[in-house]
Each structure stands twice: as structure tokens, then as C-alpha cells.
């Protein structure tokens, strides 16, 4: 998945849940990503977060602690 697509999708999730207040949005965003994003997508999200998370909504940055980090694939 392209970097820009990852940003767009993650920020759309945050935008959808942000109306519920920050704390609830963090929980709901993490739950959504854990339920519906395959490990490969979550791996890309964590790569983006580990690189500083530039462009990611603060809700997603805060949700990272609640998102299941997939194992690194062997080369």
C-alpha cells in the first residue's frame, strides 16, 4: 500500500471517531484497526509511526498503544 493511502485511510478512521471525544476516539480507532486491518497493513502503519508518524492524526498516534503490533515477517 502506498504511503499516502495509509495516511488517508488512518486519518479517515480518526476523523470518523473524533466526534465522540478524544479518549473514546482513540479506543474506537484502535478497535477498528485491530478488527479490520490485516497484519500487513498494521505493519505498514507501525513503520510509519516508528518513523515519526508525520501526517497522522493525533488520535491514531495515541491509539498506537492499543493497536496490536504484528510480528515482523522473516526475509
C-alpha atoms as a PDB file:
ATOM      1  CA  UNK A   1       0.000   0.000   0.000  1.00  0.00           C
ATOM      2  CA  UNK A   2       1.261   3.458  -0.828  1.00  0.00           C
ATOM      3  CA  UNK A   3       2.334   5.786   1.983  1.00  0.00           C
ATOM      4  CA  UNK A   4      -0.291   8.375   1.014  1.00  0.00           C
ATOM      5  CA  UNK A   5      -3.039   5.733   1.024  1.00  0.00           C
ATOM      6  CA  UNK A   6      -2.039   4.579   4.512  1.00  0.00           C
ATOM      7  CA  UNK A   7      -2.176   8.149   5.803  1.00  0.00           C
ATOM      8  CA  UNK A   8      -5.540   8.785   4.176  1.00  0.00           C
ATOM      9  CA  UNK A   9      -7.131   5.613   5.495  1.00  0.00           C
ATOM     10  CA  UNK A  10      -5.823   6.010   9.048  1.00  0.00           C
ATOM     11  CA  UNK A  11      -6.849   9.663   9.178  1.00  0.00           C
ATOM     12  CA  UNK A  12     -10.319   8.838   7.824  1.00  0.00           C
ATOM     13  CA  UNK A  13     -10.798   6.375  10.676  1.00  0.00           C
ATOM     14  CA  UNK A  14      -9.724   9.007  13.195  1.00  0.00           C
ATOM     15  CA  UNK A  15     -11.969  11.616  11.599  1.00  0.00           C
ATOM     16  CA  UNK A  16     -14.959   9.279  11.816  1.00  0.00           C
ATOM     17  CA  UNK A  17     -14.456   8.616  15.534  1.00  0.00           C
ATOM     18  CA  UNK A  18     -13.193  12.060  16.636  1.00  0.00           C
ATOM     19  CA  UNK A  19     -16.730  13.331  17.245  1.00  0.00           C
ATOM     20  CA  UNK A  20     -17.009  11.045  20.282  1.00  0.00           C
ATOM     21  CA  UNK A  21     -14.249  12.863  22.165  1.00  0.00           C
ATOM     22  CA  UNK A  22     -10.554  12.115  22.128  1.00  0.00           C
ATOM     23  CA  UNK A  23     -10.406   9.271  24.652  1.00  0.00           C
ATOM     24  CA  UNK A  24     -13.278   7.353  23.055  1.00  0.00           C
ATOM     25  CA  UNK A  25     -11.970   8.076  19.550  1.00  0.00           C
ATOM     26  CA  UNK A  26      -8.590   6.590  20.483  1.00  0.00           C
ATOM     27  CA  UNK A  27     -10.231   3.398  21.762  1.00  0.00           C
ATOM     28  CA  UNK A  28     -12.620   3.098  18.811  1.00  0.00           C
ATOM     29  CA  UNK A  29      -9.909   3.790  16.227  1.00  0.00           C
ATOM     30  CA  UNK A  30      -7.658   1.126  17.726  1.00  0.00           C
ATOM     31  CA  UNK A  31     -10.533  -1.348  17.883  1.00  0.00           C
ATOM     32  CA  UNK A  32     -11.421  -0.698  14.238  1.00  0.00           C
ATOM     33  CA  UNK A  33      -7.831  -1.150  13.053  1.00  0.00           C
ATOM     34  CA  UNK A  34      -7.394  -4.306  15.140  1.00  0.00           C
ATOM     35  CA  UNK A  35     -10.599  -5.812  13.737  1.00  0.00           C
ATOM     36  CA  UNK A  36     -10.381  -4.849  10.085  1.00  0.00           C
ATOM     37  CA  UNK A  37      -6.764  -4.237   9.116  1.00  0.00           C
ATOM     38  CA  UNK A  38      -4.739  -7.273   8.144  1.00  0.00           C
ATOM     39  CA  UNK A  39      -1.266  -7.683   9.701  1.00  0.00           C
ATOM     40  CA  UNK A  40       0.454  -6.342   6.582  1.00  0.00           C
ATOM     41  CA  UNK A  41      -1.496  -3.077   6.839  1.00  0.00           C
ATOM     42  CA  UNK A  42      -0.819  -2.751  10.572  1.00  0.00           C
ATOM     43  CA  UNK A  43       2.872  -3.454   9.911  1.00  0.00           C
ATOM     44  CA  UNK A  44       2.933  -0.544   7.440  1.00  0.00           C
ATOM     45  CA  UNK A  45       1.130   1.688   9.933  1.00  0.00           C
ATOM     46  CA  UNK A  46       3.703   0.899  12.615  1.00  0.00           C
ATOM     47  CA  UNK A  47       6.530   1.551  10.163  1.00  0.00           C
ATOM     48  CA  UNK A  48       5.020   4.983   9.603  1.00  0.00           C
ATOM     49  CA  UNK A  49       4.565   5.550  13.346  1.00  0.00           C
ATOM     50  CA  UNK A  50       8.108   4.364  14.099  1.00  0.00           C
ATOM     51  CA  UNK A  51       9.405   6.866  11.545  1.00  0.00           C
ATOM     52  CA  UNK A  52       7.724   9.707  13.443  1.00  0.00           C
ATOM     53  CA  UNK A  53       4.144   9.408  12.226  1.00  0.00           C
ATOM     54  CA  UNK A  54       4.274  12.602  10.196  1.00  0.00           C
ATOM     55  CA  UNK A  55       0.836  13.445   8.817  1.00  0.00           C
ATOM     56  CA  UNK A  56      -1.080  11.083  11.117  1.00  0.00           C
ATOM     57  CA  UNK A  57      -3.971  12.408  13.156  1.00  0.00           C
ATOM     58  CA  UNK A  58      -3.143  12.598  16.876  1.00  0.00           C
ATOM     59  CA  UNK A  59      -5.933  10.113  17.549  1.00  0.00           C
ATOM     60  CA  UNK A  60      -4.096   7.436  15.557  1.00  0.00           C
ATOM     61  CA  UNK A  61      -0.790   8.323  17.199  1.00  0.00           C
ATOM     62  CA  UNK A  62      -2.396   7.864  20.610  1.00  0.00           C
ATOM     63  CA  UNK A  63      -4.231   4.707  19.505  1.00  0.00           C
ATOM     64  CA  UNK A  64      -0.928   3.049  18.587  1.00  0.00           C
ATOM     65  CA  UNK A  65      -0.512   1.827  22.169  1.00  0.00           C
ATOM     66  CA  UNK A  66      -3.782  -0.134  21.779  1.00  0.00           C
ATOM     67  CA  UNK A  67      -3.189  -1.482  18.274  1.00  0.00           C
ATOM     68  CA  UNK A  68      -1.781  -4.997  18.019  1.00  0.00           C
ATOM     69  CA  UNK A  69       1.689  -4.832  16.501  1.00  0.00           C
ATOM     70  CA  UNK A  70       2.154  -7.741  14.057  1.00  0.00           C
ATOM     71  CA  UNK A  71       5.298  -9.786  14.087  1.00  0.00           C
ATOM     72  CA  UNK A  72       7.957  -8.795  11.596  1.00  0.00           C
ATOM     73  CA  UNK A  73       7.990 -11.056   8.560  1.00  0.00           C
ATOM     74  CA  UNK A  74      11.129 -13.089   8.000  1.00  0.00           C
ATOM     75  CA  UNK A  75      13.096 -12.114   4.918  1.00  0.00           C
END
